[in-house]
Amino acid sequence: MSFNPLDKTLAPLLRRTLDAYSKRHTAVAENIANVETKNYQPLKVNFERDLQRAMQKNRPIGKTSDSRHIVIGQQKKSIEGQVQATEGKVNIEQEMAALAQNQIKFEFVARMLRGGYDSIKTSIRGRLT
């Protein structure tokens, strides 16, 4: 996926994605910290479905100027990352794997965002550093 630094929707989308990955990191860290806690319900953060919906660009989006208008398409690209308690016990191996996978995804999105801003900086300076 290429990142156009002048795209007004992708940069905020990437920032909200980083926020969701950060929230997931916190939830997994809590699960690991409470691995021995009796009756602890593991936490899970799901936001991939919201991310997929927000990334669809071919979807028509209607603008409403009156509360009686019918909403067409998705009005706001939101990626919240809902924290939910799940049933079962904490599996330390699964949590450590989830933590590593989450870190890799966070780094990828952060590098994409940084690359876009580096492109803007290069354009302003007019030379490569």
C-alpha atoms as a PDB file:
ATOM      1  CA  MET A   1       0.000   0.000   0.000  1.00  0.00           C
ATOM      2  CA  SER A   2       1.427   3.381  -0.940  1.00  0.00           C
ATOM      3  CA  PHE A   3       0.814   6.447   1.142  1.00  0.00           C
ATOM      4  CA  ASN A   4       0.041   9.722  -0.581  1.00  0.00           C
ATOM      5  CA  PRO A   5       0.998  12.402   1.959  1.00  0.00           C
ATOM      6  CA  LEU A   6      -1.519  14.813   0.437  1.00  0.00           C
ATOM      7  CA  ASP A   7      -4.468  12.438   0.965  1.00  0.00           C
ATOM      8  CA  LYS A   8      -6.599  14.136   3.590  1.00  0.00           C
ATOM      9  CA  THR A   9      -8.267  10.928   4.731  1.00  0.00           C
ATOM     10  CA  LEU A  10      -5.421   8.424   4.930  1.00  0.00           C
ATOM     11  CA  ALA A  11      -3.153  10.223   7.418  1.00  0.00           C
ATOM     12  CA  PRO A  12      -5.925  10.595  10.043  1.00  0.00           C
ATOM     13  CA  LEU A  13      -6.953   6.998   9.360  1.00  0.00           C
ATOM     14  CA  LEU A  14      -3.395   5.808   9.995  1.00  0.00           C
ATOM     15  CA  ARG A  15      -3.193   7.847  13.204  1.00  0.00           C
ATOM     16  CA  ARG A  16      -6.446   6.308  14.485  1.00  0.00           C
ATOM     17  CA  THR A  17      -5.109   2.880  13.528  1.00  0.00           C
ATOM     18  CA  LEU A  18      -2.020   3.548  15.660  1.00  0.00           C
ATOM     19  CA  ASP A  19      -4.306   4.509  18.542  1.00  0.00           C
ATOM     20  CA  ALA A  20      -6.208   1.237  18.176  1.00  0.00           C
ATOM     21  CA  TYR A  21      -2.981  -0.797  18.092  1.00  0.00           C
ATOM     22  CA  SER A  22      -1.839   1.050  21.208  1.00  0.00           C
ATOM     23  CA  LYS A  23      -5.104   0.176  22.941  1.00  0.00           C
ATOM     24  CA  ARG A  24      -4.641  -3.471  21.933  1.00  0.00           C
ATOM     25  CA  HIS A  25      -1.083  -3.420  23.300  1.00  0.00           C
ATOM     26  CA  THR A  26      -2.393  -2.201  26.660  1.00  0.00           C
ATOM     27  CA  ALA A  27      -5.077  -4.913  26.744  1.00  0.00           C
ATOM     28  CA  VAL A  28      -2.574  -7.684  25.952  1.00  0.00           C
ATOM     29  CA  ALA A  29      -0.169  -6.324  28.581  1.00  0.00           C
ATOM     30  CA  GLU A  30      -2.980  -6.437  31.150  1.00  0.00           C
ATOM     31  CA  ASN A  31      -3.727 -10.030  30.156  1.00  0.00           C
ATOM     32  CA  ILE A  32      -0.082 -10.988  30.630  1.00  0.00           C
ATOM     33  CA  ALA A  33       0.100  -9.184  33.984  1.00  0.00           C
ATOM     34  CA  ASN A  34      -2.996 -11.040  35.211  1.00  0.00           C
ATOM     35  CA  VAL A  35      -2.067 -14.507  33.951  1.00  0.00           C
ATOM     36  CA  GLU A  36      -2.110 -15.875  37.522  1.00  0.00           C
ATOM     37  CA  THR A  37      -5.144 -13.884  38.717  1.00  0.00           C
ATOM     38  CA  LYS A  38      -8.067 -16.092  39.625  1.00  0.00           C
ATOM     39  CA  ASN A  39     -11.351 -15.398  37.743  1.00  0.00           C
ATOM     40  CA  TYR A  40      -9.663 -12.830  35.490  1.00  0.00           C
ATOM     41  CA  GLN A  41     -11.364 -12.436  32.116  1.00  0.00           C
ATOM     42  CA  PRO A  42      -8.902 -11.728  29.285  1.00  0.00           C
ATOM     43  CA  LEU A  43      -9.364  -8.514  27.330  1.00  0.00           C
ATOM     44  CA  LYS A  44      -9.527  -8.326  23.559  1.00  0.00           C
ATOM     45  CA  VAL A  45      -9.535  -5.316  21.212  1.00  0.00           C
ATOM     46  CA  ASN A  46     -11.216  -5.669  17.819  1.00  0.00           C
ATOM     47  CA  PHE A  47     -11.001  -2.954  15.191  1.00  0.00           C
ATOM     48  CA  GLU A  48     -10.021  -4.692  11.932  1.00  0.00           C
ATOM     49  CA  ARG A  49     -13.584  -4.706  10.567  1.00  0.00           C
ATOM     50  CA  ASP A  50     -13.853  -0.949  11.146  1.00  0.00           C
ATOM     51  CA  LEU A  51     -10.467  -0.488   9.491  1.00  0.00           C
ATOM     52  CA  GLN A  52     -11.526  -2.487   6.416  1.00  0.00           C
ATOM     53  CA  ARG A  53     -14.691  -0.411   6.080  1.00  0.00           C
ATOM     54  CA  ALA A  54     -12.751   2.825   6.431  1.00  0.00           C
ATOM     55  CA  MET A  55     -10.245   1.754   3.781  1.00  0.00           C
ATOM     56  CA  GLN A  56     -12.896   1.141   1.097  1.00  0.00           C
ATOM     57  CA  LYS A  57     -12.573   4.091  -1.252  1.00  0.00           C
ATOM     58  CA  ASN A  58     -15.062   3.124  -3.969  1.00  0.00           C
ATOM     59  CA  ARG A  59     -17.999   3.429  -1.640  1.00  0.00           C
ATOM     60  CA  PRO A  60     -20.283   6.402  -2.340  1.00  0.00           C
ATOM     61  CA  ILE A  61     -20.653   8.799   0.547  1.00  0.00           C
ATOM     62  CA  GLY A  62     -23.605  11.141   0.707  1.00  0.00           C
ATOM     63  CA  LYS A  63     -23.664  14.483   2.439  1.00  0.00           C
ATOM     64  CA  THR A  64     -26.646  15.402   4.565  1.00  0.00           C
ATOM     65  CA  SER A  65     -27.633  18.981   5.260  1.00  0.00           C
ATOM     66  CA  ASP A  66     -30.895  18.166   6.985  1.00  0.00           C
ATOM     67  CA  SER A  67     -31.715  15.664   9.728  1.00  0.00           C
ATOM     68  CA  ARG A  68     -34.465  14.216   7.507  1.00  0.00           C
ATOM     69  CA  HIS A  69     -32.017  13.180   4.790  1.00  0.00           C
ATOM     70  CA  ILE A  70     -31.223   9.519   4.299  1.00  0.00           C
ATOM     71  CA  VAL A  71     -27.624   8.677   5.143  1.00  0.00           C
ATOM     72  CA  ILE A  72     -25.796   7.195   2.163  1.00  0.00           C
ATOM     73  CA  GLY A  73     -22.590   5.301   2.759  1.00  0.00           C
ATOM     74  CA  GLN A  74     -20.260   5.824   5.657  1.00  0.00           C
ATOM     75  CA  GLN A  75     -20.229   9.341   7.028  1.00  0.00           C
ATOM     76  CA  LYS A  76     -17.294   9.151   9.409  1.00  0.00           C
ATOM     77  CA  LYS A  77     -14.269   6.911   9.206  1.00  0.00           C
ATOM     78  CA  SER A  78     -13.986   5.793  12.797  1.00  0.00           C
ATOM     79  CA  ILE A  79     -11.705   3.186  14.220  1.00  0.00           C
ATOM     80  CA  GLU A  80     -12.378   2.953  17.898  1.00  0.00           C
ATOM     81  CA  GLY A  81     -11.025  -0.401  18.989  1.00  0.00           C
ATOM     82  CA  GLN A  82     -13.568  -1.699  21.467  1.00  0.00           C
ATOM     83  CA  VAL A  83     -12.060  -3.366  24.545  1.00  0.00           C
ATOM     84  CA  GLN A  84     -14.083  -6.449  25.467  1.00  0.00           C
ATOM     85  CA  ALA A  85     -13.722  -9.037  28.194  1.00  0.00           C
ATOM     86  CA  THR A  86     -13.702 -12.599  26.880  1.00  0.00           C
ATOM     87  CA  GLU A  87     -14.409 -15.962  28.445  1.00  0.00           C
ATOM     88  CA  GLY A  88     -11.705 -18.424  29.399  1.00  0.00           C
ATOM     89  CA  LYS A  89      -8.242 -18.277  30.849  1.00  0.00           C
ATOM     90  CA  VAL A  90      -5.226 -16.307  29.751  1.00  0.00           C
ATOM     91  CA  ASN A  91      -2.875 -18.387  27.610  1.00  0.00           C
ATOM     92  CA  ILE A  92       0.559 -16.809  28.043  1.00  0.00           C
ATOM     93  CA  GLU A  93       1.909 -18.218  24.769  1.00  0.00           C
ATOM     94  CA  GLN A  94      -1.004 -16.818  22.770  1.00  0.00           C
ATOM     95  CA  GLU A  95      -0.746 -13.457  24.523  1.00  0.00           C
ATOM     96  CA  MET A  96       2.995 -13.175  23.861  1.00  0.00           C
ATOM     97  CA  ALA A  97       2.419 -14.047  20.191  1.00  0.00           C
ATOM     98  CA  ALA A  98      -0.398 -11.477  19.998  1.00  0.00           C
ATOM     99  CA  LEU A  99       1.885  -8.874  21.579  1.00  0.00           C
ATOM    100  CA  ALA A 100       4.633  -9.532  19.020  1.00  0.00           C
ATOM    101  CA  GLN A 101       2.172  -9.478  16.101  1.00  0.00           C
ATOM    102  CA  ASN A 102       0.617  -6.245  17.358  1.00  0.00           C
ATOM    103  CA  GLN A 103       4.059  -4.644  17.676  1.00  0.00           C
ATOM    104  CA  ILE A 104       4.938  -5.552  14.078  1.00  0.00           C
ATOM    105  CA  LYS A 105       1.668  -4.087  12.785  1.00  0.00           C
ATOM    106  CA  PHE A 106       2.126  -0.922  14.862  1.00  0.00           C
ATOM    107  CA  GLU A 107       5.661  -0.459  13.493  1.00  0.00           C
ATOM    108  CA  PHE A 108       4.446  -0.947   9.915  1.00  0.00           C
ATOM    109  CA  VAL A 109       1.728   1.701  10.216  1.00  0.00           C
ATOM    110  CA  ALA A 110       4.082   4.094  12.039  1.00  0.00           C
ATOM    111  CA  ARG A 111       6.690   3.737   9.281  1.00  0.00           C
ATOM    112  CA  MET A 112       4.045   4.330   6.613  1.00  0.00           C
ATOM    113  CA  LEU A 113       2.943   7.504   8.335  1.00  0.00           C
ATOM    114  CA  ARG A 114       6.514   8.675   8.865  1.00  0.00           C
ATOM    115  CA  GLY A 115       7.375   7.975   5.222  1.00  0.00           C
ATOM    116  CA  GLY A 116       4.506  10.187   4.101  1.00  0.00           C
ATOM    117  CA  TYR A 117       5.631  13.026   6.328  1.00  0.00           C
ATOM    118  CA  ASP A 118       9.238  12.546   5.201  1.00  0.00           C
ATOM    119  CA  SER A 119       8.007  12.960   1.607  1.00  0.00           C
ATOM    120  CA  ILE A 120       6.391  16.257   2.528  1.00  0.00           C
ATOM    121  CA  LYS A 121       9.558  17.398   4.305  1.00  0.00           C
ATOM    122  CA  THR A 122      11.676  16.492   1.264  1.00  0.00           C
ATOM    123  CA  SER A 123       9.288  18.384  -1.015  1.00  0.00           C
ATOM    124  CA  ILE A 124       9.497  21.492   1.149  1.00  0.00           C
ATOM    125  CA  ARG A 125      13.296  21.391   1.381  1.00  0.00           C
ATOM    126  CA  GLY A 126      13.673  20.541  -2.286  1.00  0.00           C
ATOM    127  CA  ARG A 127      16.478  18.082  -1.717  1.00  0.00           C
ATOM    128  CA  LEU A 128      17.138  14.657  -0.245  1.00  0.00           C
ATOM    129  CA  THR A 129      18.989  14.590   3.080  1.00  0.00           C
END
